[in-house]
């Protein structure tokens, strides 16, 4: 791999580490404010909505300047959101509950993440040849998952009474932050992680790739985005990989909250301990990602689809688990199946997007679809909580939906392959 690839990985690690630690700290802040339980998954809703609303614009922004510069600017937005969340302990919007400011602040972090993503993934297609994309995705997804593991563990650790008391006891000369809560102290540390990511962004090399001047009119950008969206969904390889990654990210975002509630109700694990189980799932995803990078070349990427069905069935089996000793390996298996099928699909989607259009636009379209599904699935989960569904009922519905949807995608792919052998399209270069 080129040296610049490792700088990208370092920047992604610290940015993702902070994102995941911040989610745990934000949940703790909502609990401190006695916010309704159904609002906890709405954190993810507010974080994700920017991916959908800004999708027509962030691709053009990512392609308008060197990707490292884009990543630096968007990390500054994340820092602003984190600082606003800290400030929510002292100020609030008149006429609203305290938790409204927390949701809006996390939404600002999501805005930065939405603009960051097309640059983060788009630079891979600029820096590396197609045959390296599965390996590169295996590395970057593995590192991202490692940051998820460490981020969730870090978030849980920072809000734990012992660490929180230590952080709050630190007396900085001539500085009085006024912070007196565990979530507030945790967010100061998390801000430092975002700053570290921004520093690495400054050292990401310019690949020299330049695209045509980007439109600035919102109407033109939306029209271009819609055109590219249709192109990718009409492509017989693009549509399958896009369907799979869309399902994966919606399911993964929902599973984060399901695991926390399941851990609390069935394993008697509070938030700071339950966050560790999110990390356990991420360990499995990392294992699956590494195995996919090692054993699944881009040409064979469509052969991993059955792993999605297995993942859904493993999720269903969670309803029978009451013992932590069984929960840990089961969640590792769930994550491994997810990592093994999503990494090749992600690489295939990036490749087809780069062939059919520019890197930034294709990643923006991917983000739009994936995060629209996140909004839908998180919204449905929130409604289930509001309706007081038992967590095991939620798990059964969730697992069945994942397996059934993956079965339909496999049938869809088989129909496509019967119409035309598409293997020759995998690995080609150039724009259509």
Protein backbone atom coordinates (compact mmCIF):
# COMPACT_ATOMS: atom_id res chain seq x y z
CA UNK A 1 0.00 0.00 0.00
CA UNK A 2 1.12 3.57 -0.64
CA UNK A 3 2.28 5.51 2.47
CA UNK A 4 -0.62 7.97 2.16
CA UNK A 5 -3.03 5.10 2.76
CA UNK A 6 -1.77 4.67 6.32
CA UNK A 7 -2.20 8.38 7.05
CA UNK A 8 -5.82 8.09 5.90
CA UNK A 9 -6.24 5.09 8.20
CA UNK A 10 -4.85 6.99 11.20
CA UNK A 11 -7.17 9.94 10.58
CA UNK A 12 -10.15 7.61 10.17
CA UNK A 13 -9.24 5.73 13.36
CA UNK A 14 -9.25 8.78 15.64
CA UNK A 15 -12.34 10.31 14.02
CA UNK A 16 -14.33 7.09 14.31
CA UNK A 17 -13.01 6.47 17.83
CA UNK A 18 -14.43 9.84 18.88
CA UNK A 19 -17.76 9.27 17.06
CA UNK A 20 -18.41 6.03 18.92
CA UNK A 21 -17.25 7.24 22.32
CA UNK A 22 -19.43 10.32 21.88
CA UNK A 23 -22.53 8.19 21.28
CA UNK A 24 -22.10 6.46 24.66
CA UNK A 25 -21.43 9.79 26.40
CA UNK A 26 -24.50 11.34 24.73
CA UNK A 27 -26.70 8.43 25.87
CA UNK A 28 -25.38 8.92 29.41
CA UNK A 29 -26.18 12.65 29.17
CA UNK A 30 -29.77 11.87 28.12
CA UNK A 31 -30.09 9.48 31.06
CA UNK A 32 -28.84 12.23 33.39
CA UNK A 33 -31.54 14.51 31.99
CA UNK A 34 -34.28 11.87 32.46
CA UNK A 35 -35.11 11.97 28.76
CA UNK A 36 -37.79 9.49 27.54
CA UNK A 37 -36.36 6.06 26.64
CA UNK A 38 -37.61 6.29 23.05
CA UNK A 39 -35.31 9.31 22.52
CA UNK A 40 -32.11 7.29 22.98
CA UNK A 41 -32.14 5.81 19.43
CA UNK A 42 -33.13 9.26 18.15
CA UNK A 43 -29.53 10.29 18.77
CA UNK A 44 -28.63 8.11 15.79
CA UNK A 45 -31.55 9.59 13.86
CA UNK A 46 -30.25 13.14 14.34
CA UNK A 47 -26.69 12.03 13.54
CA UNK A 48 -27.80 10.32 10.33
CA UNK A 49 -30.30 12.79 8.89
CA UNK A 50 -27.50 14.95 7.42
CA UNK A 51 -26.31 11.99 5.33
CA UNK A 52 -29.70 11.92 3.64
CA UNK A 53 -30.53 15.63 3.41
CA UNK A 54 -27.06 16.70 2.26
CA UNK A 55 -26.39 13.75 -0.05
CA UNK A 56 -26.81 15.79 -3.28
CA UNK A 57 -24.24 18.32 -2.08
CA UNK A 58 -21.50 16.52 -0.13
CA UNK A 59 -20.32 14.51 -3.13
CA UNK A 60 -19.72 17.69 -5.11
CA UNK A 61 -17.99 19.23 -2.08
CA UNK A 62 -15.70 16.19 -1.73
CA UNK A 63 -14.77 16.37 -5.44
CA UNK A 64 -14.23 20.15 -5.40
CA UNK A 65 -10.88 20.08 -3.57
CA UNK A 66 -8.20 17.62 -2.32
CA UNK A 67 -9.79 14.95 -0.11
CA UNK A 68 -7.42 15.63 2.82
CA UNK A 69 -8.59 19.24 2.95
CA UNK A 70 -12.23 18.14 2.93
CA UNK A 71 -11.56 15.72 5.79
CA UNK A 72 -9.86 18.44 7.84
CA UNK A 73 -12.73 20.91 7.39
CA UNK A 74 -15.37 18.34 8.28
CA UNK A 75 -13.46 17.23 11.38
CA UNK A 76 -13.61 20.83 12.58
CA UNK A 77 -17.42 20.60 12.25
CA UNK A 78 -17.39 17.47 14.41
CA UNK A 79 -15.33 19.31 17.05
CA UNK A 80 -17.89 22.14 17.02
CA UNK A 81 -20.71 19.65 17.61
CA UNK A 82 -18.87 18.03 20.49
CA UNK A 83 -18.24 21.43 22.11
CA UNK A 84 -21.91 22.35 21.66
CA UNK A 85 -22.90 19.15 23.44
CA UNK A 86 -20.64 20.07 26.34
CA UNK A 87 -22.25 23.53 26.37
CA UNK A 88 -25.69 21.91 26.57
CA UNK A 89 -24.99 21.27 30.25
CA UNK A 90 -25.00 25.03 30.85
CA UNK A 91 -27.39 26.45 28.25
CA UNK A 92 -30.64 25.37 26.66
CA UNK A 93 -33.02 26.57 23.99
CA UNK A 94 -35.80 28.64 25.64
CA UNK A 95 -39.08 26.79 25.76
CA UNK A 96 -37.55 23.35 25.16
CA UNK A 97 -36.34 20.45 27.27
CA UNK A 98 -32.60 20.16 28.02
CA UNK A 99 -32.24 17.08 25.82
CA UNK A 100 -33.19 19.03 22.66
CA UNK A 101 -29.77 20.74 22.70
CA UNK A 102 -28.07 17.33 23.03
CA UNK A 103 -29.91 16.00 19.98
CA UNK A 104 -29.09 19.10 17.92
CA UNK A 105 -25.42 18.99 18.94
CA UNK A 106 -25.15 15.35 17.95
CA UNK A 107 -26.86 16.28 14.70
CA UNK A 108 -24.07 18.82 14.05
CA UNK A 109 -21.50 16.06 14.56
CA UNK A 110 -23.49 14.01 12.04
CA UNK A 111 -23.33 16.89 9.57
CA UNK A 112 -19.54 16.79 9.78
CA UNK A 113 -19.56 13.01 9.40
CA UNK A 114 -21.84 13.20 6.34
CA UNK A 115 -19.45 15.58 4.58
CA UNK A 116 -16.40 13.58 5.78
CA UNK A 117 -17.50 10.21 4.39
CA UNK A 118 -17.35 10.82 0.59
CA UNK A 119 -13.79 12.10 0.98
CA UNK A 120 -12.75 9.24 3.28
CA UNK A 121 -13.89 6.49 0.91
CA UNK A 122 -13.53 8.43 -2.33
CA UNK A 123 -9.80 8.90 -1.86
CA UNK A 124 -9.32 5.11 -1.87
CA UNK A 125 -10.44 4.89 -5.51
CA UNK A 126 -8.11 7.80 -6.39
CA UNK A 127 -5.12 6.34 -4.57
CA UNK A 128 -5.41 2.61 -5.37
CA UNK A 129 -6.10 0.38 -8.41
CA UNK A 130 -9.35 -1.69 -8.51
CA UNK A 131 -7.62 -4.96 -7.55
CA UNK A 132 -6.49 -3.39 -4.26
CA UNK A 133 -9.93 -2.16 -3.20
CA UNK A 134 -11.07 -5.30 -1.32
CA UNK A 135 -7.78 -5.42 0.59
CA UNK A 136 -7.95 -1.65 1.26
CA UNK A 137 -11.56 -1.95 2.43
CA UNK A 138 -10.60 -4.89 4.62
CA UNK A 139 -7.90 -2.77 6.24
CA UNK A 140 -9.93 0.39 6.62
CA UNK A 141 -13.11 -1.42 7.77
CA UNK A 142 -11.01 -3.52 10.15
CA UNK A 143 -9.44 -0.38 11.56
CA UNK A 144 -12.81 1.37 11.68
CA UNK A 145 -14.25 -1.57 13.57
CA UNK A 146 -11.27 -1.51 15.92
CA UNK A 147 -12.04 2.14 16.57
CA UNK A 148 -15.68 1.19 17.19
CA UNK A 149 -14.55 -1.41 19.72
CA UNK A 150 -12.18 0.97 21.46
CA UNK A 151 -14.58 3.91 21.07
CA UNK A 152 -17.51 2.14 22.74
CA UNK A 153 -15.22 0.78 25.45
CA UNK A 154 -13.66 4.24 25.86
CA UNK A 155 -17.10 5.85 26.10
CA UNK A 156 -18.22 3.30 28.70
CA UNK A 157 -14.99 3.70 30.64
CA UNK A 158 -15.13 7.52 30.62
CA UNK A 159 -18.65 7.59 32.08
CA UNK A 160 -17.91 4.93 34.71
CA UNK A 161 -17.89 6.38 38.26
CA UNK A 162 -14.21 5.71 38.97
CA UNK A 163 -12.82 7.30 35.78
CA UNK A 164 -15.36 10.14 35.84
CA UNK A 165 -14.40 11.01 39.42
CA UNK A 166 -10.73 11.06 38.40
CA UNK A 167 -11.37 13.34 35.40
CA UNK A 168 -13.51 15.71 37.46
CA UNK A 169 -10.82 15.88 40.16
CA UNK A 170 -8.23 17.25 37.73
CA UNK A 171 -7.61 20.90 38.59
CA UNK A 172 -6.28 22.95 35.68
CA UNK A 173 -4.43 26.14 36.76
CA UNK A 174 -6.44 29.31 36.09
CA UNK A 175 -9.10 27.33 34.16
CA UNK A 176 -12.57 26.61 35.51
CA UNK A 177 -14.56 24.60 32.96
CA UNK A 178 -17.62 24.40 35.21
CA UNK A 179 -18.09 20.76 34.14
CA UNK A 180 -19.35 18.62 37.01
CA UNK A 181 -20.84 15.54 35.31
CA UNK A 182 -19.38 12.29 33.97
CA UNK A 183 -20.68 12.84 30.39
CA UNK A 184 -19.23 16.38 30.31
CA UNK A 185 -15.81 15.20 31.47
CA UNK A 186 -15.92 12.35 28.93
CA UNK A 187 -16.63 14.77 26.09
CA UNK A 188 -13.49 16.80 26.83
CA UNK A 189 -11.41 13.67 26.21
CA UNK A 190 -13.46 12.88 23.11
CA UNK A 191 -12.81 16.37 21.73
CA UNK A 192 -9.09 15.67 22.02
CA UNK A 193 -9.56 12.59 19.80
CA UNK A 194 -11.24 14.72 17.12
CA UNK A 195 -8.33 17.18 17.29
CA UNK A 196 -5.88 14.30 16.77
CA UNK A 197 -7.83 13.19 13.68
CA UNK A 198 -7.73 16.74 12.30
CA UNK A 199 -3.95 16.81 12.71
CA UNK A 200 -3.59 13.61 10.66
CA UNK A 201 -5.91 15.10 8.02
CA UNK A 202 -3.32 17.80 7.39
CA UNK A 203 -0.78 15.15 6.33
CA UNK A 204 -2.99 13.24 3.86
CA UNK A 205 -1.30 13.53 0.44
CA UNK A 206 -2.95 15.18 -2.53
CA UNK A 207 -3.55 12.39 -5.09
CA UNK A 208 -3.52 14.90 -7.93
CA UNK A 209 -6.92 13.71 -9.17
CA UNK A 210 -9.10 16.59 -10.30
CA UNK A 211 -12.69 16.53 -11.49
CA UNK A 212 -14.58 18.97 -13.67
CA UNK A 213 -15.65 22.17 -11.88
CA UNK A 214 -18.51 21.35 -9.53
CA UNK A 215 -21.91 23.01 -9.86
CA UNK A 216 -22.95 25.39 -7.08
CA UNK A 217 -26.66 25.68 -7.84
CA UNK A 218 -28.74 23.48 -5.47
CA UNK A 219 -31.17 22.70 -8.30
CA UNK A 220 -28.35 21.54 -10.59
CA UNK A 221 -26.71 19.51 -7.81
CA UNK A 222 -29.98 17.76 -6.95
CA UNK A 223 -30.57 17.01 -10.65
CA UNK A 224 -27.04 15.59 -11.03
CA UNK A 225 -27.43 13.56 -7.85
CA UNK A 226 -30.75 12.12 -9.01
CA UNK A 227 -29.21 11.19 -12.37
CA UNK A 228 -26.29 9.40 -10.68
CA UNK A 229 -28.68 7.69 -8.26
CA UNK A 230 -30.66 6.22 -11.17
CA UNK A 231 -27.46 5.11 -12.94
CA UNK A 232 -26.19 3.18 -9.89
CA UNK A 233 -29.54 1.51 -9.16
CA UNK A 234 -29.91 0.49 -12.84
CA UNK A 235 -26.45 -1.11 -12.92
CA UNK A 236 -26.93 -4.83 -12.26
CA UNK A 237 -23.85 -5.08 -10.08
CA UNK A 238 -24.32 -1.70 -8.44
CA UNK A 239 -27.91 -2.43 -7.45
CA UNK A 240 -27.04 -5.69 -5.64
CA UNK A 241 -24.08 -4.26 -3.73
CA UNK A 242 -26.06 -1.11 -2.93
CA UNK A 243 -29.00 -3.14 -1.63
CA UNK A 244 -26.72 -5.22 0.62
CA UNK A 245 -24.76 -2.29 2.08
CA UNK A 246 -28.01 -0.35 2.56
CA UNK A 247 -29.44 -3.25 4.58
CA UNK A 248 -26.21 -3.71 6.54
CA UNK A 249 -25.87 -0.13 7.76
CA UNK A 250 -29.53 0.17 8.70
CA UNK A 251 -29.39 -3.13 10.56
CA UNK A 252 -26.06 -2.30 12.19
CA UNK A 253 -27.24 1.06 13.51
CA UNK A 254 -30.36 -0.53 15.00
CA UNK A 255 -28.41 -3.46 16.45
CA UNK A 256 -26.26 -1.00 18.43
CA UNK A 257 -29.29 0.02 20.48
CA UNK A 258 -30.87 -3.43 20.56
CA UNK A 259 -27.69 -4.86 22.11
CA UNK A 260 -27.64 -2.17 24.83
CA UNK A 261 -31.27 -2.82 25.82
CA UNK A 262 -30.87 -6.61 25.53
CA UNK A 263 -27.76 -6.47 27.73
CA UNK A 264 -29.63 -4.46 30.36
CA UNK A 265 -32.78 -6.61 30.40
CA UNK A 266 -31.40 -10.12 29.85
CA UNK A 267 -27.82 -9.94 31.10
CA UNK A 268 -28.26 -7.33 33.87
CA UNK A 269 -25.54 -5.06 32.41
CA UNK A 270 -25.80 -1.24 32.90
CA UNK A 271 -24.79 1.22 30.14
CA UNK A 272 -21.06 1.34 30.91
CA UNK A 273 -20.89 -2.49 30.85
CA UNK A 274 -23.38 -2.98 28.01
CA UNK A 275 -21.24 -0.75 25.79
CA UNK A 276 -18.62 -3.50 25.93
CA UNK A 277 -21.03 -5.82 24.08
CA UNK A 278 -21.17 -3.33 21.22
CA UNK A 279 -17.41 -3.72 21.13
CA UNK A 280 -17.76 -7.51 21.09
CA UNK A 281 -19.92 -7.31 17.94
CA UNK A 282 -17.30 -5.03 16.43
CA UNK A 283 -14.57 -7.60 17.21
CA UNK A 284 -16.53 -10.05 15.10
CA UNK A 285 -16.91 -7.53 12.27
CA UNK A 286 -13.14 -6.96 12.33
CA UNK A 287 -12.50 -10.71 12.12
CA UNK A 288 -14.94 -11.04 9.23
CA UNK A 289 -13.43 -8.04 7.45
CA UNK A 290 -9.89 -9.44 7.73
CA UNK A 291 -11.01 -12.87 6.47
CA UNK A 292 -12.84 -11.27 3.54
CA UNK A 293 -9.78 -9.20 2.64
CA UNK A 294 -7.68 -12.37 2.74
CA UNK A 295 -9.93 -14.86 0.96
CA UNK A 296 -12.47 -12.95 -1.18
CA UNK A 297 -11.12 -11.27 -4.33
CA UNK A 298 -13.27 -8.63 -5.99
CA UNK A 299 -14.24 -11.12 -8.73
CA UNK A 300 -15.88 -13.40 -6.14
CA UNK A 301 -17.55 -10.68 -4.07
CA UNK A 302 -21.12 -11.82 -4.89
CA UNK A 303 -20.48 -15.28 -3.40
CA UNK A 304 -20.64 -13.94 0.18
CA UNK A 305 -24.37 -13.10 0.09
CA UNK A 306 -25.49 -16.20 2.10
CA UNK A 307 -23.58 -14.83 5.12
CA UNK A 308 -26.30 -12.18 5.46
CA UNK A 309 -28.96 -14.85 5.97
CA UNK A 310 -26.81 -16.57 8.60
CA UNK A 311 -26.32 -13.26 10.39
CA UNK A 312 -30.08 -12.76 10.70
CA UNK A 313 -30.58 -16.27 12.08
CA UNK A 314 -27.81 -15.73 14.66
CA UNK A 315 -29.51 -12.51 15.79
CA UNK A 316 -32.77 -14.43 16.33
CA UNK A 317 -30.92 -16.88 18.60
CA UNK A 318 -30.16 -14.00 21.01
CA UNK A 319 -33.64 -14.39 22.52
CA UNK A 320 -32.59 -17.67 24.16
CA UNK A 321 -29.42 -16.28 25.75
CA UNK A 322 -29.30 -15.42 29.46
CA UNK A 323 -25.65 -16.19 30.14
CA UNK A 324 -22.81 -13.75 29.39
CA UNK A 325 -20.48 -16.66 28.60
CA UNK A 326 -22.75 -17.55 25.67
CA UNK A 327 -23.51 -13.95 24.71
CA UNK A 328 -19.90 -13.01 23.94
CA UNK A 329 -19.14 -15.73 21.33
CA UNK A 330 -22.61 -15.37 19.81
CA UNK A 331 -22.14 -11.63 19.24
CA UNK A 332 -18.67 -12.26 17.79
CA UNK A 333 -20.28 -14.65 15.28
CA UNK A 334 -22.96 -12.08 14.40
CA UNK A 335 -20.28 -9.49 13.76
CA UNK A 336 -18.07 -11.91 11.78
CA UNK A 337 -20.89 -12.76 9.38
CA UNK A 338 -21.61 -9.06 8.92
CA UNK A 339 -17.96 -8.15 8.27
CA UNK A 340 -17.42 -11.04 5.87
CA UNK A 341 -20.29 -10.09 3.58
CA UNK A 342 -20.20 -6.30 3.79
CA UNK A 343 -16.50 -5.70 2.98
CA UNK A 344 -16.60 -7.34 -0.50
CA UNK A 345 -19.97 -5.67 -1.19
CA UNK A 346 -18.56 -2.29 -0.17
CA UNK A 347 -15.55 -2.77 -2.44
CA UNK A 348 -17.75 -3.83 -5.37
CA UNK A 349 -20.00 -0.82 -4.86
CA UNK A 350 -17.05 1.57 -4.70
CA UNK A 351 -15.61 0.04 -7.86
CA UNK A 352 -18.85 0.27 -9.85
CA UNK A 353 -19.46 3.79 -8.57
CA UNK A 354 -15.97 4.88 -9.63
CA UNK A 355 -16.46 3.32 -13.08
CA UNK A 356 -19.87 4.90 -13.63
CA UNK A 357 -19.26 8.33 -12.07
CA UNK A 358 -16.82 10.25 -9.84
CA UNK A 359 -15.66 8.89 -6.47
CA UNK A 360 -17.29 11.61 -4.38
CA UNK A 361 -20.66 11.35 -6.10
CA UNK A 362 -20.79 7.55 -5.86
CA UNK A 363 -19.97 7.55 -2.14
CA UNK A 364 -22.58 10.27 -1.53
CA UNK A 365 -25.19 8.10 -3.25
CA UNK A 366 -24.12 5.12 -1.17
CA UNK A 367 -24.41 7.21 2.00
CA UNK A 368 -27.84 8.50 0.97
CA UNK A 369 -29.29 5.02 0.53
CA UNK A 370 -27.60 3.48 3.55
CA UNK A 371 -28.51 6.27 5.91
CA UNK A 372 -32.05 6.63 4.62
CA UNK A 373 -32.44 3.01 5.71
CA UNK A 374 -30.82 3.87 9.06
CA UNK A 375 -33.45 6.59 9.58
CA UNK A 376 -36.27 4.20 8.70
CA UNK A 377 -35.04 1.32 10.87
CA UNK A 378 -34.15 3.55 13.83
CA UNK A 379 -37.54 5.24 13.51
CA UNK A 380 -39.32 1.87 13.53
CA UNK A 381 -37.27 0.76 16.55
CA UNK A 382 -38.18 3.98 18.41
CA UNK A 383 -41.86 3.34 17.68
CA UNK A 384 -41.47 -0.19 19.04
CA UNK A 385 -39.97 1.20 22.25
CA UNK A 386 -42.77 3.75 22.54
CA UNK A 387 -45.29 0.91 22.08
CA UNK A 388 -43.42 -0.98 24.83
CA UNK A 389 -42.49 -4.00 22.70
CA UNK A 390 -40.57 -6.66 24.61
CA UNK A 391 -36.92 -6.68 23.53
CA UNK A 392 -37.15 -10.35 22.47
CA UNK A 393 -40.07 -9.50 20.17
CA UNK A 394 -37.96 -6.73 18.64
CA UNK A 395 -35.05 -9.15 18.13
CA UNK A 396 -37.28 -11.74 16.42
CA UNK A 397 -38.71 -9.14 14.05
CA UNK A 398 -35.27 -7.68 13.36
CA UNK A 399 -33.50 -10.99 12.68
CA UNK A 400 -36.31 -12.30 10.49
CA UNK A 401 -36.30 -9.08 8.44
CA UNK A 402 -32.52 -9.29 7.84
CA UNK A 403 -32.58 -12.95 6.75
CA UNK A 404 -35.66 -12.56 4.55
CA UNK A 405 -34.27 -9.44 2.85
CA UNK A 406 -30.93 -11.11 2.12
CA UNK A 407 -32.77 -14.10 0.63
CA UNK A 408 -34.65 -11.75 -1.69
CA UNK A 409 -31.36 -10.06 -2.70
CA UNK A 410 -29.86 -13.48 -3.56
CA UNK A 411 -32.88 -14.30 -5.75
CA UNK A 412 -32.56 -10.86 -7.39
CA UNK A 413 -28.87 -11.47 -8.11
CA UNK A 414 -29.57 -14.93 -9.57
CA UNK A 415 -32.14 -13.41 -11.96
CA UNK A 416 -29.56 -10.80 -13.04
CA UNK A 417 -26.93 -13.47 -13.65
CA UNK A 418 -29.34 -15.58 -15.70
CA UNK A 419 -29.94 -12.63 -17.98
CA UNK A 420 -26.24 -11.89 -18.51
CA UNK A 421 -22.87 -13.02 -17.12
CA UNK A 422 -21.70 -9.87 -15.33
CA UNK A 423 -18.30 -11.11 -14.10
CA UNK A 424 -16.48 -9.32 -16.93
CA UNK A 425 -17.65 -5.96 -15.52
CA UNK A 426 -15.81 -6.49 -12.22
CA UNK A 427 -12.35 -5.00 -12.44
CA UNK A 428 -12.83 -2.87 -15.56
CA UNK A 429 -11.66 0.73 -15.36
CA UNK A 430 -12.75 4.00 -16.90
CA UNK A 431 -16.06 5.89 -16.76
CA UNK A 432 -19.18 4.71 -18.57
